[in-house]
Amino acid sequence: MNVRHPAVSVRNPPAELAAEVEARVRRQLGGRVSDLRVVVRGGGLALQGRARTQHTRQLAQHAAMEATALPIVANEIRV
């Protein structure tokens, strides 16, 4: 399986990358993270939002990690 790992570039600016990763996390988790927001920060991604369980918080991080080659610099999803 060929997994696509977008990164920030002239063709893929930070806002576009964040929106792409955010959409993928939303699709994979089916809305289990409310107020989800992905921001490009410090050479990586920061996840923000609210989840009912720690497991869901971790699933969101893994979905984001699969969506891009950039590191997750902060998982600020509150449980």
PDB file of N, CA and C in Angstrom:
ATOM      1  N   MET A   1       0.837  -1.178   0.000  1.00  0.00           N
ATOM      2  CA  MET A   1       0.000   0.000   0.000  1.00  0.00           C
ATOM      3  C   MET A   1       0.881   1.239   0.000  1.00  0.00           C
ATOM      4  N   ASN A   2       0.609   2.154  -0.886  1.00  0.00           N
ATOM      5  CA  ASN A   2       1.375   3.381  -0.985  1.00  0.00           C
ATOM      6  C   ASN A   2       0.706   4.453  -0.138  1.00  0.00           C
ATOM      7  N   VAL A   3       1.295   4.775   0.997  1.00  0.00           N
ATOM      8  CA  VAL A   3       0.729   5.770   1.909  1.00  0.00           C
ATOM      9  C   VAL A   3       1.308   7.134   1.560  1.00  0.00           C
ATOM     10  N   ARG A   4       0.443   8.103   1.426  1.00  0.00           N
ATOM     11  CA  ARG A   4       0.865   9.458   1.099  1.00  0.00           C
ATOM     12  C   ARG A   4       1.178  10.202   2.387  1.00  0.00           C
ATOM     13  N   HIS A   5       2.338  10.844   2.438  1.00  0.00           N
ATOM     14  CA  HIS A   5       2.747  11.603   3.611  1.00  0.00           C
ATOM     15  C   HIS A   5       3.013  13.048   3.215  1.00  0.00           C
ATOM     16  N   PRO A   6       1.992  13.895   3.210  1.00  0.00           N
ATOM     17  CA  PRO A   6       2.215  15.283   2.826  1.00  0.00           C
ATOM     18  C   PRO A   6       3.097  16.009   3.829  1.00  0.00           C
ATOM     19  N   ALA A   7       3.838  16.972   3.349  1.00  0.00           N
ATOM     20  CA  ALA A   7       4.668  17.817   4.196  1.00  0.00           C
ATOM     21  C   ALA A   7       4.484  19.260   3.745  1.00  0.00           C
ATOM     22  N   VAL A   8       4.928  20.180   4.571  1.00  0.00           N
ATOM     23  CA  VAL A   8       4.818  21.592   4.234  1.00  0.00           C
ATOM     24  C   VAL A   8       5.771  21.897   3.087  1.00  0.00           C
ATOM     25  N   SER A   9       5.285  22.591   2.079  1.00  0.00           N
ATOM     26  CA  SER A   9       6.106  23.027   0.953  1.00  0.00           C
ATOM     27  C   SER A   9       5.392  24.188   0.279  1.00  0.00           C
ATOM     28  N   VAL A  10       6.005  24.703  -0.767  1.00  0.00           N
ATOM     29  CA  VAL A  10       5.366  25.783  -1.513  1.00  0.00           C
ATOM     30  C   VAL A  10       4.043  25.291  -2.086  1.00  0.00           C
ATOM     31  N   ARG A  11       4.017  24.040  -2.537  1.00  0.00           N
ATOM     32  CA  ARG A  11       2.804  23.465  -3.098  1.00  0.00           C
ATOM     33  C   ARG A  11       1.790  23.092  -2.022  1.00  0.00           C
ATOM     34  N   ASN A  12       2.248  22.864  -0.814  1.00  0.00           N
ATOM     35  CA  ASN A  12       1.381  22.430   0.273  1.00  0.00           C
ATOM     36  C   ASN A  12       1.635  23.332   1.484  1.00  0.00           C
ATOM     37  N   PRO A  13       1.067  24.553   1.491  1.00  0.00           N
ATOM     38  CA  PRO A  13       1.319  25.486   2.589  1.00  0.00           C
ATOM     39  C   PRO A  13       0.767  24.966   3.914  1.00  0.00           C
ATOM     40  N   PRO A  14       1.249  25.522   5.037  1.00  0.00           N
ATOM     41  CA  PRO A  14       0.846  25.026   6.358  1.00  0.00           C
ATOM     42  C   PRO A  14      -0.663  24.920   6.571  1.00  0.00           C
ATOM     43  N   ALA A  15      -1.418  25.922   6.171  1.00  0.00           N
ATOM     44  CA  ALA A  15      -2.869  25.884   6.402  1.00  0.00           C
ATOM     45  C   ALA A  15      -3.515  24.743   5.631  1.00  0.00           C
ATOM     46  N   GLU A  16      -3.050  24.520   4.415  1.00  0.00           N
ATOM     47  CA  GLU A  16      -3.599  23.434   3.595  1.00  0.00           C
ATOM     48  C   GLU A  16      -3.242  22.074   4.190  1.00  0.00           C
ATOM     49  N   LEU A  17      -2.002  21.931   4.635  1.00  0.00           N
ATOM     50  CA  LEU A  17      -1.568  20.678   5.256  1.00  0.00           C
ATOM     51  C   LEU A  17      -2.377  20.407   6.516  1.00  0.00           C
ATOM     52  N   ALA A  18      -2.535  21.413   7.363  1.00  0.00           N
ATOM     53  CA  ALA A  18      -3.292  21.244   8.603  1.00  0.00           C
ATOM     54  C   ALA A  18      -4.722  20.813   8.303  1.00  0.00           C
ATOM     55  N   ALA A  19      -5.338  21.426   7.305  1.00  0.00           N
ATOM     56  CA  ALA A  19      -6.716  21.075   6.940  1.00  0.00           C
ATOM     57  C   ALA A  19      -6.800  19.645   6.423  1.00  0.00           C
ATOM     58  N   GLU A  20      -5.802  19.225   5.664  1.00  0.00           N
ATOM     59  CA  GLU A  20      -5.776  17.869   5.118  1.00  0.00           C
ATOM     60  C   GLU A  20      -5.652  16.826   6.234  1.00  0.00           C
ATOM     61  N   VAL A  21      -4.748  17.068   7.170  1.00  0.00           N
ATOM     62  CA  VAL A  21      -4.555  16.143   8.290  1.00  0.00           C
ATOM     63  C   VAL A  21      -5.799  16.142   9.177  1.00  0.00           C
ATOM     64  N   GLU A  22      -6.354  17.305   9.428  1.00  0.00           N
ATOM     65  CA  GLU A  22      -7.564  17.412  10.252  1.00  0.00           C
ATOM     66  C   GLU A  22      -8.716  16.618   9.634  1.00  0.00           C
ATOM     67  N   ALA A  23      -8.889  16.732   8.332  1.00  0.00           N
ATOM     68  CA  ALA A  23      -9.962  15.999   7.642  1.00  0.00           C
ATOM     69  C   ALA A  23      -9.755  14.496   7.758  1.00  0.00           C
ATOM     70  N   ARG A  24      -8.521  14.055   7.653  1.00  0.00           N
ATOM     71  CA  ARG A  24      -8.249  12.618   7.754  1.00  0.00           C
ATOM     72  C   ARG A  24      -8.545  12.108   9.161  1.00  0.00           C
ATOM     73  N   VAL A  25      -8.131  12.858  10.168  1.00  0.00           N
ATOM     74  CA  VAL A  25      -8.398  12.452  11.554  1.00  0.00           C
ATOM     75  C   VAL A  25      -9.909  12.386  11.785  1.00  0.00           C
ATOM     76  N   ARG A  26     -10.628  13.376  11.307  1.00  0.00           N
ATOM     77  CA  ARG A  26     -12.094  13.387  11.454  1.00  0.00           C
ATOM     78  C   ARG A  26     -12.720  12.157  10.796  1.00  0.00           C
ATOM     79  N   ARG A  27     -12.274  11.840   9.577  1.00  0.00           N
ATOM     80  CA  ARG A  27     -12.817  10.668   8.866  1.00  0.00           C
ATOM     81  C   ARG A  27     -12.547   9.384   9.641  1.00  0.00           C
ATOM     82  N   GLN A  28     -11.320   9.230  10.119  1.00  0.00           N
ATOM     83  CA  GLN A  28     -10.954   7.988  10.801  1.00  0.00           C
ATOM     84  C   GLN A  28     -11.639   7.831  12.150  1.00  0.00           C
ATOM     85  N   LEU A  29     -11.888   8.929  12.824  1.00  0.00           N
ATOM     86  CA  LEU A  29     -12.461   8.834  14.171  1.00  0.00           C
ATOM     87  C   LEU A  29     -13.957   9.099  14.206  1.00  0.00           C
ATOM     88  N   GLY A  30     -14.537   9.425  13.096  1.00  0.00           N
ATOM     89  CA  GLY A  30     -15.985   9.593  13.034  1.00  0.00           C
ATOM     90  C   GLY A  30     -16.545  10.591  14.029  1.00  0.00           C
ATOM     91  N   GLY A  31     -15.844  11.690  14.255  1.00  0.00           N
ATOM     92  CA  GLY A  31     -16.369  12.729  15.135  1.00  0.00           C
ATOM     93  C   GLY A  31     -16.161  12.488  16.618  1.00  0.00           C
ATOM     94  N   ARG A  32     -15.319  11.525  16.985  1.00  0.00           N
ATOM     95  CA  ARG A  32     -15.104  11.252  18.413  1.00  0.00           C
ATOM     96  C   ARG A  32     -14.245  12.298  19.108  1.00  0.00           C
ATOM     97  N   VAL A  33     -13.608  13.192  18.337  1.00  0.00           N
ATOM     98  CA  VAL A  33     -12.878  14.321  18.920  1.00  0.00           C
ATOM     99  C   VAL A  33     -13.651  15.578  18.543  1.00  0.00           C
ATOM    100  N   SER A  34     -14.142  16.288  19.551  1.00  0.00           N
ATOM    101  CA  SER A  34     -14.899  17.509  19.261  1.00  0.00           C
ATOM    102  C   SER A  34     -13.946  18.705  19.220  1.00  0.00           C
ATOM    103  N   ASP A  35     -14.353  19.715  18.488  1.00  0.00           N
ATOM    104  CA  ASP A  35     -13.550  20.938  18.341  1.00  0.00           C
ATOM    105  C   ASP A  35     -12.128  20.638  17.866  1.00  0.00           C
ATOM    106  N   LEU A  36     -11.981  19.623  17.017  1.00  0.00           N
ATOM    107  CA  LEU A  36     -10.656  19.235  16.533  1.00  0.00           C
ATOM    108  C   LEU A  36     -10.040  20.361  15.722  1.00  0.00           C
ATOM    109  N   ARG A  37      -8.781  20.613  15.994  1.00  0.00           N
ATOM    110  CA  ARG A  37      -8.012  21.605  15.249  1.00  0.00           C
ATOM    111  C   ARG A  37      -6.586  21.091  15.135  1.00  0.00           C
ATOM    112  N   VAL A  38      -6.022  21.178  13.940  1.00  0.00           N
ATOM    113  CA  VAL A  38      -4.628  20.806  13.701  1.00  0.00           C
ATOM    114  C   VAL A  38      -3.907  22.065  13.248  1.00  0.00           C
ATOM    115  N   VAL A  39      -2.794  22.383  13.915  1.00  0.00           N
ATOM    116  CA  VAL A  39      -2.012  23.565  13.543  1.00  0.00           C
ATOM    117  C   VAL A  39      -0.566  23.161  13.307  1.00  0.00           C
ATOM    118  N   VAL A  40       0.066  23.838  12.352  1.00  0.00           N
ATOM    119  CA  VAL A  40       1.485  23.616  12.099  1.00  0.00           C
ATOM    120  C   VAL A  40       2.241  24.523  13.050  1.00  0.00           C
ATOM    121  N   ARG A  41       3.135  23.921  13.833  1.00  0.00           N
ATOM    122  CA  ARG A  41       3.865  24.665  14.858  1.00  0.00           C
ATOM    123  C   ARG A  41       5.245  24.043  15.059  1.00  0.00           C
ATOM    124  N   GLY A  42       6.272  24.862  15.075  1.00  0.00           N
ATOM    125  CA  GLY A  42       7.611  24.398  15.403  1.00  0.00           C
ATOM    126  C   GLY A  42       8.107  23.248  14.548  1.00  0.00           C
ATOM    127  N   GLY A  43       7.810  23.268  13.275  1.00  0.00           N
ATOM    128  CA  GLY A  43       8.282  22.214  12.384  1.00  0.00           C
ATOM    129  C   GLY A  43       7.480  20.931  12.452  1.00  0.00           C
ATOM    130  N   GLY A  44       6.347  20.970  13.115  1.00  0.00           N
ATOM    131  CA  GLY A  44       5.504  19.778  13.227  1.00  0.00           C
ATOM    132  C   GLY A  44       4.049  20.171  13.374  1.00  0.00           C
ATOM    133  N   LEU A  45       3.260  19.245  13.871  1.00  0.00           N
ATOM    134  CA  LEU A  45       1.826  19.477  14.034  1.00  0.00           C
ATOM    135  C   LEU A  45       1.438  19.451  15.505  1.00  0.00           C
ATOM    136  N   ALA A  46       0.484  20.285  15.854  1.00  0.00           N
ATOM    137  CA  ALA A  46      -0.107  20.264  17.192  1.00  0.00           C
ATOM    138  C   ALA A  46      -1.586  19.938  17.025  1.00  0.00           C
ATOM    139  N   LEU A  47      -2.075  19.027  17.847  1.00  0.00           N
ATOM    140  CA  LEU A  47      -3.478  18.617  17.818  1.00  0.00           C
ATOM    141  C   LEU A  47      -4.199  19.267  18.986  1.00  0.00           C
ATOM    142  N   GLN A  48      -5.382  19.793  18.719  1.00  0.00           N
ATOM    143  CA  GLN A  48      -6.182  20.426  19.762  1.00  0.00           C
ATOM    144  C   GLN A  48      -7.614  19.935  19.654  1.00  0.00           C
ATOM    145  N   GLY A  49      -8.317  19.923  20.765  1.00  0.00           N
ATOM    146  CA  GLY A  49      -9.712  19.513  20.771  1.00  0.00           C
ATOM    147  C   GLY A  49     -10.063  18.830  22.075  1.00  0.00           C
ATOM    148  N   ARG A  50     -11.181  18.097  22.049  1.00  0.00           N
ATOM    149  CA  ARG A  50     -11.633  17.384  23.250  1.00  0.00           C
ATOM    150  C   ARG A  50     -12.045  15.971  22.881  1.00  0.00           C
ATOM    151  N   ALA A  51     -11.684  15.027  23.742  1.00  0.00           N
ATOM    152  CA  ALA A  51     -12.062  13.625  23.555  1.00  0.00           C
ATOM    153  C   ALA A  51     -12.616  13.100  24.869  1.00  0.00           C
ATOM    154  N   ARG A  52     -13.491  12.109  24.773  1.00  0.00           N
ATOM    155  CA  ARG A  52     -14.073  11.534  26.000  1.00  0.00           C
ATOM    156  C   ARG A  52     -13.114  10.591  26.710  1.00  0.00           C
ATOM    157  N   THR A  53     -12.188   9.973  25.949  1.00  0.00           N
ATOM    158  CA  THR A  53     -11.277   8.997  26.559  1.00  0.00           C
ATOM    159  C   THR A  53      -9.839   9.232  26.110  1.00  0.00           C
ATOM    160  N   GLN A  54      -8.920   8.750  26.911  1.00  0.00           N
ATOM    161  CA  GLN A  54      -7.497   8.795  26.567  1.00  0.00           C
ATOM    162  C   GLN A  54      -7.246   7.974  25.305  1.00  0.00           C
ATOM    163  N   HIS A  55      -7.942   6.873  25.161  1.00  0.00           N
ATOM    164  CA  HIS A  55      -7.779   6.023  23.983  1.00  0.00           C
ATOM    165  C   HIS A  55      -8.116   6.794  22.706  1.00  0.00           C
ATOM    166  N   THR A  56      -9.200   7.544  22.720  1.00  0.00           N
ATOM    167  CA  THR A  56      -9.577   8.349  21.558  1.00  0.00           C
ATOM    168  C   THR A  56      -8.519   9.407  21.276  1.00  0.00           C
ATOM    169  N   ARG A  57      -7.981  10.004  22.318  1.00  0.00           N
ATOM    170  CA  ARG A  57      -6.902  10.995  22.171  1.00  0.00           C
ATOM    171  C   ARG A  57      -5.711  10.360  21.460  1.00  0.00           C
ATOM    172  N   GLN A  58      -5.356   9.155  21.862  1.00  0.00           N
ATOM    173  CA  GLN A  58      -4.238   8.444  21.239  1.00  0.00           C
ATOM    174  C   GLN A  58      -4.549   8.060  19.797  1.00  0.00           C
ATOM    175  N   LEU A  59      -5.785   7.632  19.541  1.00  0.00           N
ATOM    176  CA  LEU A  59      -6.173   7.289  18.168  1.00  0.00           C
ATOM    177  C   LEU A  59      -6.047   8.500  17.247  1.00  0.00           C
ATOM    178  N   ALA A  60      -6.418   9.663  17.741  1.00  0.00           N
ATOM    179  CA  ALA A  60      -6.299  10.885  16.943  1.00  0.00           C
ATOM    180  C   ALA A  60      -4.839  11.163  16.608  1.00  0.00           C
ATOM    181  N   GLN A  61      -3.965  10.974  17.576  1.00  0.00           N
ATOM    182  CA  GLN A  61      -2.541  11.203  17.331  1.00  0.00           C
ATOM    183  C   GLN A  61      -2.008  10.223  16.295  1.00  0.00           C
ATOM    184  N   HIS A  62      -2.383   8.968  16.395  1.00  0.00           N
ATOM    185  CA  HIS A  62      -1.916   7.971  15.428  1.00  0.00           C
ATOM    186  C   HIS A  62      -2.452   8.253  14.033  1.00  0.00           C
ATOM    187  N   ALA A  63      -3.696   8.683  13.934  1.00  0.00           N
ATOM    188  CA  ALA A  63      -4.264   9.023  12.622  1.00  0.00           C
ATOM    189  C   ALA A  63      -3.494  10.188  12.002  1.00  0.00           C
ATOM    190  N   ALA A  64      -3.149  11.182  12.814  1.00  0.00           N
ATOM    191  CA  ALA A  64      -2.377  12.323  12.313  1.00  0.00           C
ATOM    192  C   ALA A  64      -0.976  11.886  11.900  1.00  0.00           C
ATOM    193  N   MET A  65      -0.364  11.000  12.666  1.00  0.00           N
ATOM    194  CA  MET A  65       0.975  10.508  12.338  1.00  0.00           C
ATOM    195  C   MET A  65       0.982   9.762  11.010  1.00  0.00           C
ATOM    196  N   GLU A  66      -0.090   9.042  10.727  1.00  0.00           N
ATOM    197  CA  GLU A  66      -0.191   8.311   9.467  1.00  0.00           C
ATOM    198  C   GLU A  66      -0.442   9.242   8.286  1.00  0.00           C
ATOM    199  N   ALA A  67      -0.964  10.429   8.553  1.00  0.00           N
ATOM    200  CA  ALA A  67      -1.351  11.349   7.486  1.00  0.00           C
ATOM    201  C   ALA A  67      -0.202  12.213   6.977  1.00  0.00           C
ATOM    202  N   THR A  68       0.882  12.310   7.729  1.00  0.00           N
ATOM    203  CA  THR A  68       1.974  13.199   7.338  1.00  0.00           C
ATOM    204  C   THR A  68       3.302  12.701   7.888  1.00  0.00           C
ATOM    205  N   ALA A  69       4.373  13.136   7.246  1.00  0.00           N
ATOM    206  CA  ALA A  69       5.714  12.798   7.718  1.00  0.00           C
ATOM    207  C   ALA A  69       6.178  13.761   8.809  1.00  0.00           C
ATOM    208  N   LEU A  70       5.455  14.862   8.995  1.00  0.00           N
ATOM    209  CA  LEU A  70       5.832  15.809  10.044  1.00  0.00           C
ATOM    210  C   LEU A  70       5.586  15.195  11.418  1.00  0.00           C
ATOM    211  N   PRO A  71       6.433  15.532  12.394  1.00  0.00           N
ATOM    212  CA  PRO A  71       6.215  15.002  13.741  1.00  0.00           C
ATOM    213  C   PRO A  71       5.039  15.689  14.434  1.00  0.00           C
ATOM    214  N   ILE A  72       4.470  14.994  15.399  1.00  0.00           N
ATOM    215  CA  ILE A  72       3.450  15.587  16.264  1.00  0.00           C
ATOM    216  C   ILE A  72       4.221  16.226  17.415  1.00  0.00           C
ATOM    217  N   VAL A  73       4.250  17.557  17.452  1.00  0.00           N
ATOM    218  CA  VAL A  73       5.024  18.246  18.485  1.00  0.00           C
ATOM    219  C   VAL A  73       4.225  18.449  19.764  1.00  0.00           C
ATOM    220  N   ALA A  74       2.891  18.354  19.660  1.00  0.00           N
ATOM    221  CA  ALA A  74       2.050  18.490  20.852  1.00  0.00           C
ATOM    222  C   ALA A  74       0.691  17.858  20.592  1.00  0.00           C
ATOM    223  N   ASN A  75       0.242  17.065  21.561  1.00  0.00           N
ATOM    224  CA  ASN A  75      -1.124  16.557  21.521  1.00  0.00           C
ATOM    225  C   ASN A  75      -1.854  17.249  22.663  1.00  0.00           C
ATOM    226  N   GLU A  76      -2.549  18.309  22.314  1.00  0.00           N
ATOM    227  CA  GLU A  76      -3.249  19.126  23.305  1.00  0.00           C
ATOM    228  C   GLU A  76      -4.735  18.790  23.363  1.00  0.00           C
ATOM    229  N   ILE A  77      -5.088  17.602  22.891  1.00  0.00           N
ATOM    230  CA  ILE A  77      -6.478  17.162  22.973  1.00  0.00           C
ATOM    231  C   ILE A  77      -6.774  16.857  24.438  1.00  0.00           C
ATOM    232  N   ARG A  78      -7.778  17.522  24.976  1.00  0.00           N
ATOM    233  CA  ARG A  78      -8.136  17.343  26.390  1.00  0.00           C
ATOM    234  C   ARG A  78      -9.124  16.196  26.544  1.00  0.00           C
ATOM    235  N   VAL A  79      -8.939  15.446  27.620  1.00  0.00           N
ATOM    236  CA  VAL A  79      -9.842  14.328  27.931  1.00  0.00           C
ATOM    237  C   VAL A  79     -10.736  14.750  29.068  1.00  0.00           C
TER     238      VAL A  79
END
